[in-house]
């Protein structure tokens, strides 16, 4: 199976492992079960939008067992950003090209900043969605950080409510 994410990884010579699902998944727990991995290695990719007009978006990523702190994301962004809120499913598709549940931080429009929780950098391997609801991808955390050129910041809360 090929997606724009696997094509990008292949083009950059990045090693990865495909993690197919038997059905689409929409929660971290379901994806971890389908992929046979632990949620502590999963990267949740969450599109946030600025409440003020004109709308700006940011991709924020945390590990699967953590909660995102939108205020911490805003503080990690350069320049002036207004209050951030979660993007709708329609916005996610329009902005990223991915359906909700298959979002990842790769192959995004260049104007979307990407912020990773610093805990991601401490992982050896992580897994993300491939952009297809039936396929996950495992790769080195360092490769994911390098390809996204993400900023690293403390943007997660440790409480698990995924």
C-alpha atoms as a PDB file:
ATOM      1  CA  UNK A   1       0.000   0.000   0.000  1.00  0.00           C
ATOM      2  CA  UNK A   2       1.316   3.434  -0.930  1.00  0.00           C
ATOM      3  CA  UNK A   3       0.238   6.803   0.454  1.00  0.00           C
ATOM      4  CA  UNK A   4       1.745  10.251   0.085  1.00  0.00           C
ATOM      5  CA  UNK A   5       3.389   9.626   3.482  1.00  0.00           C
ATOM      6  CA  UNK A   6       5.042   6.361   2.417  1.00  0.00           C
ATOM      7  CA  UNK A   7       6.141   8.056  -0.822  1.00  0.00           C
ATOM      8  CA  UNK A   8       7.774  10.845   1.211  1.00  0.00           C
ATOM      9  CA  UNK A   9       9.511   8.349   3.496  1.00  0.00           C
ATOM     10  CA  UNK A  10      10.752   6.352   0.488  1.00  0.00           C
ATOM     11  CA  UNK A  11      12.003   9.524  -1.226  1.00  0.00           C
ATOM     12  CA  UNK A  12      14.059  10.390   1.878  1.00  0.00           C
ATOM     13  CA  UNK A  13      15.344   6.848   2.409  1.00  0.00           C
ATOM     14  CA  UNK A  14      13.628   6.574   5.801  1.00  0.00           C
ATOM     15  CA  UNK A  15      13.157   3.064   7.181  1.00  0.00           C
ATOM     16  CA  UNK A  16       9.621   2.303   8.356  1.00  0.00           C
ATOM     17  CA  UNK A  17       7.266  -0.568   9.079  1.00  0.00           C
ATOM     18  CA  UNK A  18       3.661  -0.720   7.872  1.00  0.00           C
ATOM     19  CA  UNK A  19       1.034  -1.426  10.552  1.00  0.00           C
ATOM     20  CA  UNK A  20      -2.177  -2.419   8.745  1.00  0.00           C
ATOM     21  CA  UNK A  21      -5.601  -2.334  10.411  1.00  0.00           C
ATOM     22  CA  UNK A  22      -8.467  -4.717   9.778  1.00  0.00           C
ATOM     23  CA  UNK A  23     -10.919  -1.819  10.152  1.00  0.00           C
ATOM     24  CA  UNK A  24     -10.769   1.997  10.395  1.00  0.00           C
ATOM     25  CA  UNK A  25      -9.942   3.294  13.877  1.00  0.00           C
ATOM     26  CA  UNK A  26     -10.758   6.601  15.518  1.00  0.00           C
ATOM     27  CA  UNK A  27      -9.224   6.362  19.015  1.00  0.00           C
ATOM     28  CA  UNK A  28      -5.708   5.824  20.300  1.00  0.00           C
ATOM     29  CA  UNK A  29      -6.784   2.668  22.134  1.00  0.00           C
ATOM     30  CA  UNK A  30      -8.368   1.136  19.028  1.00  0.00           C
ATOM     31  CA  UNK A  31      -5.376   2.035  16.855  1.00  0.00           C
ATOM     32  CA  UNK A  32      -2.920   0.574  19.386  1.00  0.00           C
ATOM     33  CA  UNK A  33      -4.890  -2.694  19.477  1.00  0.00           C
ATOM     34  CA  UNK A  34      -5.120  -2.895  15.684  1.00  0.00           C
ATOM     35  CA  UNK A  35      -1.418  -2.099  15.226  1.00  0.00           C
ATOM     36  CA  UNK A  36      -0.175  -4.302  18.059  1.00  0.00           C
ATOM     37  CA  UNK A  37       1.714  -1.423  19.715  1.00  0.00           C
ATOM     38  CA  UNK A  38       1.595   0.491  22.990  1.00  0.00           C
ATOM     39  CA  UNK A  39      -0.080   3.898  23.072  1.00  0.00           C
ATOM     40  CA  UNK A  40       3.054   5.405  24.638  1.00  0.00           C
ATOM     41  CA  UNK A  41       4.706   5.073  21.186  1.00  0.00           C
ATOM     42  CA  UNK A  42       1.771   6.479  19.246  1.00  0.00           C
ATOM     43  CA  UNK A  43       1.789  10.075  18.061  1.00  0.00           C
ATOM     44  CA  UNK A  44      -1.560  11.868  18.195  1.00  0.00           C
ATOM     45  CA  UNK A  45      -1.626  14.586  15.541  1.00  0.00           C
ATOM     46  CA  UNK A  46      -4.116  17.299  16.428  1.00  0.00           C
ATOM     47  CA  UNK A  47      -4.988  20.222  14.185  1.00  0.00           C
ATOM     48  CA  UNK A  48      -5.723  23.395  16.128  1.00  0.00           C
ATOM     49  CA  UNK A  49      -7.174  26.591  14.730  1.00  0.00           C
ATOM     50  CA  UNK A  50      -6.897  30.134  15.884  1.00  0.00           C
ATOM     51  CA  UNK A  51     -10.283  31.423  17.016  1.00  0.00           C
ATOM     52  CA  UNK A  52      -9.668  34.878  15.559  1.00  0.00           C
ATOM     53  CA  UNK A  53     -10.077  35.724  11.887  1.00  0.00           C
ATOM     54  CA  UNK A  54      -8.314  35.229   9.573  1.00  0.00           C
ATOM     55  CA  UNK A  55      -7.954  31.594  10.615  1.00  0.00           C
ATOM     56  CA  UNK A  56      -4.500  30.135  11.093  1.00  0.00           C
ATOM     57  CA  UNK A  57      -3.789  26.507  11.876  1.00  0.00           C
ATOM     58  CA  UNK A  58      -1.086  24.619  13.750  1.00  0.00           C
ATOM     59  CA  UNK A  59      -0.404  20.870  13.975  1.00  0.00           C
ATOM     60  CA  UNK A  60       0.313  19.772  17.537  1.00  0.00           C
ATOM     61  CA  UNK A  61       1.565  16.272  18.341  1.00  0.00           C
ATOM     62  CA  UNK A  62       1.681  14.423  21.648  1.00  0.00           C
ATOM     63  CA  UNK A  63       2.206  10.808  22.638  1.00  0.00           C
ATOM     64  CA  UNK A  64      -0.865   8.594  22.772  1.00  0.00           C
ATOM     65  CA  UNK A  65      -1.158   8.475  26.560  1.00  0.00           C
ATOM     66  CA  UNK A  66      -0.946  12.267  26.964  1.00  0.00           C
ATOM     67  CA  UNK A  67      -3.388  15.164  26.634  1.00  0.00           C
ATOM     68  CA  UNK A  68      -2.658  18.216  24.558  1.00  0.00           C
ATOM     69  CA  UNK A  69      -2.515  21.616  26.259  1.00  0.00           C
ATOM     70  CA  UNK A  70      -3.613  24.159  23.593  1.00  0.00           C
ATOM     71  CA  UNK A  71      -2.397  27.085  25.723  1.00  0.00           C
ATOM     72  CA  UNK A  72       1.106  25.554  25.849  1.00  0.00           C
ATOM     73  CA  UNK A  73       1.006  25.146  22.053  1.00  0.00           C
ATOM     74  CA  UNK A  74       0.139  28.815  21.651  1.00  0.00           C
ATOM     75  CA  UNK A  75       3.017  29.790  23.928  1.00  0.00           C
ATOM     76  CA  UNK A  76       5.411  27.649  21.856  1.00  0.00           C
ATOM     77  CA  UNK A  77       4.506  29.388  18.585  1.00  0.00           C
ATOM     78  CA  UNK A  78       6.536  32.316  17.279  1.00  0.00           C
ATOM     79  CA  UNK A  79       4.781  35.653  16.983  1.00  0.00           C
ATOM     80  CA  UNK A  80       1.329  36.586  18.180  1.00  0.00           C
ATOM     81  CA  UNK A  81      -1.316  33.857  18.197  1.00  0.00           C
ATOM     82  CA  UNK A  82      -4.797  34.191  19.637  1.00  0.00           C
ATOM     83  CA  UNK A  83      -6.676  31.491  21.518  1.00  0.00           C
ATOM     84  CA  UNK A  84      -6.459  28.026  19.917  1.00  0.00           C
ATOM     85  CA  UNK A  85      -9.279  25.524  19.656  1.00  0.00           C
ATOM     86  CA  UNK A  86      -9.687  22.128  18.006  1.00  0.00           C
ATOM     87  CA  UNK A  87     -10.369  22.151  14.271  1.00  0.00           C
ATOM     88  CA  UNK A  88     -13.564  20.537  12.979  1.00  0.00           C
ATOM     89  CA  UNK A  89     -13.543  17.371  10.873  1.00  0.00           C
ATOM     90  CA  UNK A  90     -14.318  19.478   7.778  1.00  0.00           C
ATOM     91  CA  UNK A  91     -11.420  21.832   8.547  1.00  0.00           C
ATOM     92  CA  UNK A  92      -9.069  18.906   9.139  1.00  0.00           C
ATOM     93  CA  UNK A  93      -9.849  17.482   5.714  1.00  0.00           C
ATOM     94  CA  UNK A  94      -9.710  20.863   3.960  1.00  0.00           C
ATOM     95  CA  UNK A  95      -6.438  21.967   5.590  1.00  0.00           C
ATOM     96  CA  UNK A  96      -4.468  18.700   5.808  1.00  0.00           C
ATOM     97  CA  UNK A  97      -6.021  16.526   3.111  1.00  0.00           C
ATOM     98  CA  UNK A  98      -6.488  13.794   5.733  1.00  0.00           C
ATOM     99  CA  UNK A  99      -9.746  12.523   7.192  1.00  0.00           C
ATOM    100  CA  UNK A 100     -10.155  12.760  10.935  1.00  0.00           C
ATOM    101  CA  UNK A 101      -8.570   9.660  12.453  1.00  0.00           C
ATOM    102  CA  UNK A 102      -5.878   9.421   9.744  1.00  0.00           C
ATOM    103  CA  UNK A 103      -4.078  12.708  10.428  1.00  0.00           C
ATOM    104  CA  UNK A 104      -0.302  12.830  10.753  1.00  0.00           C
ATOM    105  CA  UNK A 105       2.283  15.635  10.718  1.00  0.00           C
ATOM    106  CA  UNK A 106       3.815  14.803   7.324  1.00  0.00           C
ATOM    107  CA  UNK A 107       2.977  16.249   3.891  1.00  0.00           C
ATOM    108  CA  UNK A 108       1.214  19.291   5.322  1.00  0.00           C
ATOM    109  CA  UNK A 109       1.009  22.683   3.614  1.00  0.00           C
ATOM    110  CA  UNK A 110       4.184  24.659   4.404  1.00  0.00           C
ATOM    111  CA  UNK A 111       2.335  27.492   6.162  1.00  0.00           C
ATOM    112  CA  UNK A 112       1.192  25.172   8.973  1.00  0.00           C
ATOM    113  CA  UNK A 113       3.642  25.210  11.877  1.00  0.00           C
ATOM    114  CA  UNK A 114       4.214  21.892  13.633  1.00  0.00           C
ATOM    115  CA  UNK A 115       4.873  21.572  17.361  1.00  0.00           C
ATOM    116  CA  UNK A 116       5.804  18.259  19.000  1.00  0.00           C
ATOM    117  CA  UNK A 117       5.714  17.599  22.696  1.00  0.00           C
ATOM    118  CA  UNK A 118       9.309  17.204  23.817  1.00  0.00           C
ATOM    119  CA  UNK A 119       8.575  13.663  25.072  1.00  0.00           C
ATOM    120  CA  UNK A 120       8.419  12.504  21.438  1.00  0.00           C
ATOM    121  CA  UNK A 121      12.138  13.244  21.074  1.00  0.00           C
ATOM    122  CA  UNK A 122      12.862  10.826  23.933  1.00  0.00           C
ATOM    123  CA  UNK A 123      11.274   7.913  22.037  1.00  0.00           C
ATOM    124  CA  UNK A 124      13.338   5.554  19.918  1.00  0.00           C
ATOM    125  CA  UNK A 125      10.414   4.667  17.664  1.00  0.00           C
ATOM    126  CA  UNK A 126       6.934   6.062  17.217  1.00  0.00           C
ATOM    127  CA  UNK A 127       3.968   5.304  15.053  1.00  0.00           C
ATOM    128  CA  UNK A 128       1.688   7.597  13.135  1.00  0.00           C
ATOM    129  CA  UNK A 129      -1.184   7.317  10.729  1.00  0.00           C
ATOM    130  CA  UNK A 130      -0.236   6.889   7.093  1.00  0.00           C
ATOM    131  CA  UNK A 131      -3.036   9.166   5.933  1.00  0.00           C
ATOM    132  CA  UNK A 132      -5.145   6.074   5.262  1.00  0.00           C
ATOM    133  CA  UNK A 133      -7.556   5.006   8.051  1.00  0.00           C
ATOM    134  CA  UNK A 134      -6.505   1.378   7.521  1.00  0.00           C
ATOM    135  CA  UNK A 135      -2.737   1.808   7.845  1.00  0.00           C
ATOM    136  CA  UNK A 136      -0.303   2.988  10.492  1.00  0.00           C
ATOM    137  CA  UNK A 137       3.448   3.490  10.126  1.00  0.00           C
ATOM    138  CA  UNK A 138       6.229   2.863  12.626  1.00  0.00           C
ATOM    139  CA  UNK A 139       9.443   4.849  12.222  1.00  0.00           C
ATOM    140  CA  UNK A 140      12.282   6.347  14.232  1.00  0.00           C
ATOM    141  CA  UNK A 141      11.200   9.379  16.230  1.00  0.00           C
ATOM    142  CA  UNK A 142      14.319  11.220  15.069  1.00  0.00           C
ATOM    143  CA  UNK A 143      13.319  10.704  11.423  1.00  0.00           C
ATOM    144  CA  UNK A 144       9.806  12.006  12.075  1.00  0.00           C
ATOM    145  CA  UNK A 145      11.135  15.098  13.829  1.00  0.00           C
ATOM    146  CA  UNK A 146      13.655  15.739  11.053  1.00  0.00           C
ATOM    147  CA  UNK A 147      11.115  15.380   8.232  1.00  0.00           C
ATOM    148  CA  UNK A 148       8.547  17.646   9.870  1.00  0.00           C
ATOM    149  CA  UNK A 149      11.065  20.232  11.095  1.00  0.00           C
ATOM    150  CA  UNK A 150       8.828  20.443  14.159  1.00  0.00           C
ATOM    151  CA  UNK A 151       9.477  22.704  17.106  1.00  0.00           C
ATOM    152  CA  UNK A 152       9.841  20.800  20.389  1.00  0.00           C
ATOM    153  CA  UNK A 153       8.100  22.167  23.482  1.00  0.00           C
ATOM    154  CA  UNK A 154       6.324  20.940  26.627  1.00  0.00           C
ATOM    155  CA  UNK A 155       2.773  20.932  25.199  1.00  0.00           C
ATOM    156  CA  UNK A 156       1.283  17.868  26.901  1.00  0.00           C
ATOM    157  CA  UNK A 157      -0.403  17.118  30.157  1.00  0.00           C
ATOM    158  CA  UNK A 158       0.288  13.677  31.562  1.00  0.00           C
ATOM    159  CA  UNK A 159      -3.340  12.807  32.394  1.00  0.00           C
ATOM    160  CA  UNK A 160      -4.734  10.211  30.002  1.00  0.00           C
ATOM    161  CA  UNK A 161      -8.191  10.964  28.670  1.00  0.00           C
ATOM    162  CA  UNK A 162      -7.744   9.973  25.032  1.00  0.00           C
END
